[in-house]
Amino acid sequence: MTSHPARTLPALISALVAVALLAAGCAPSTDSSSNSTSKFKGDARLAAQTVEDLQSAADDGDEAQICDELLARAFAGRIAAAGGNCLDGVEEAIKDADSIDMTVESVQVSGDQATARVRLETGKDDRRATFRLVRENRRWKIADL
């Protein structure tokens, strides 16, 4: 993924707030009717699971899991380089987040990169967001949104 040198700390925090907004709400369930990964197979399912894991970690307030296991190194590094550190940025984003239900609608995989389209249900108008993921150390991680 390409870096965003023009991003400032507020822009990165906004991205993290967006992550937390997407992630806050409901934790993933093993019930296939409520877990949006059940309709995918192979790498697409694993990438979708990363989005579900982000939602669960944010719901649990687990900033360490988000920074260490779910965000790509480059994305977490941009957050740290902007004048803070990943843990503090994610903690702030989660603290300020509202609850939103989300469903992974589609996943496109191309080699070690993937794009997930996610429906956000806010209770008013549904919105859609795009997550970009990369495979690092055999695991899908969120590279940008």
Foldseek 3Di string as FASTA:
>chain_A
DDDDVPDALVNLLVQLLVLLQLQEADADDPPPVQQQLVVDDDPFSQQSVLSNVSNNCLNVLPQCCQLPPAADPRSQVVNVVNPHGSSVSNSVSSVPYDHWRKHFDGWDDDPQKIKTWMWTHDPPDIDIDIFIWGQDPNHIHTHGD
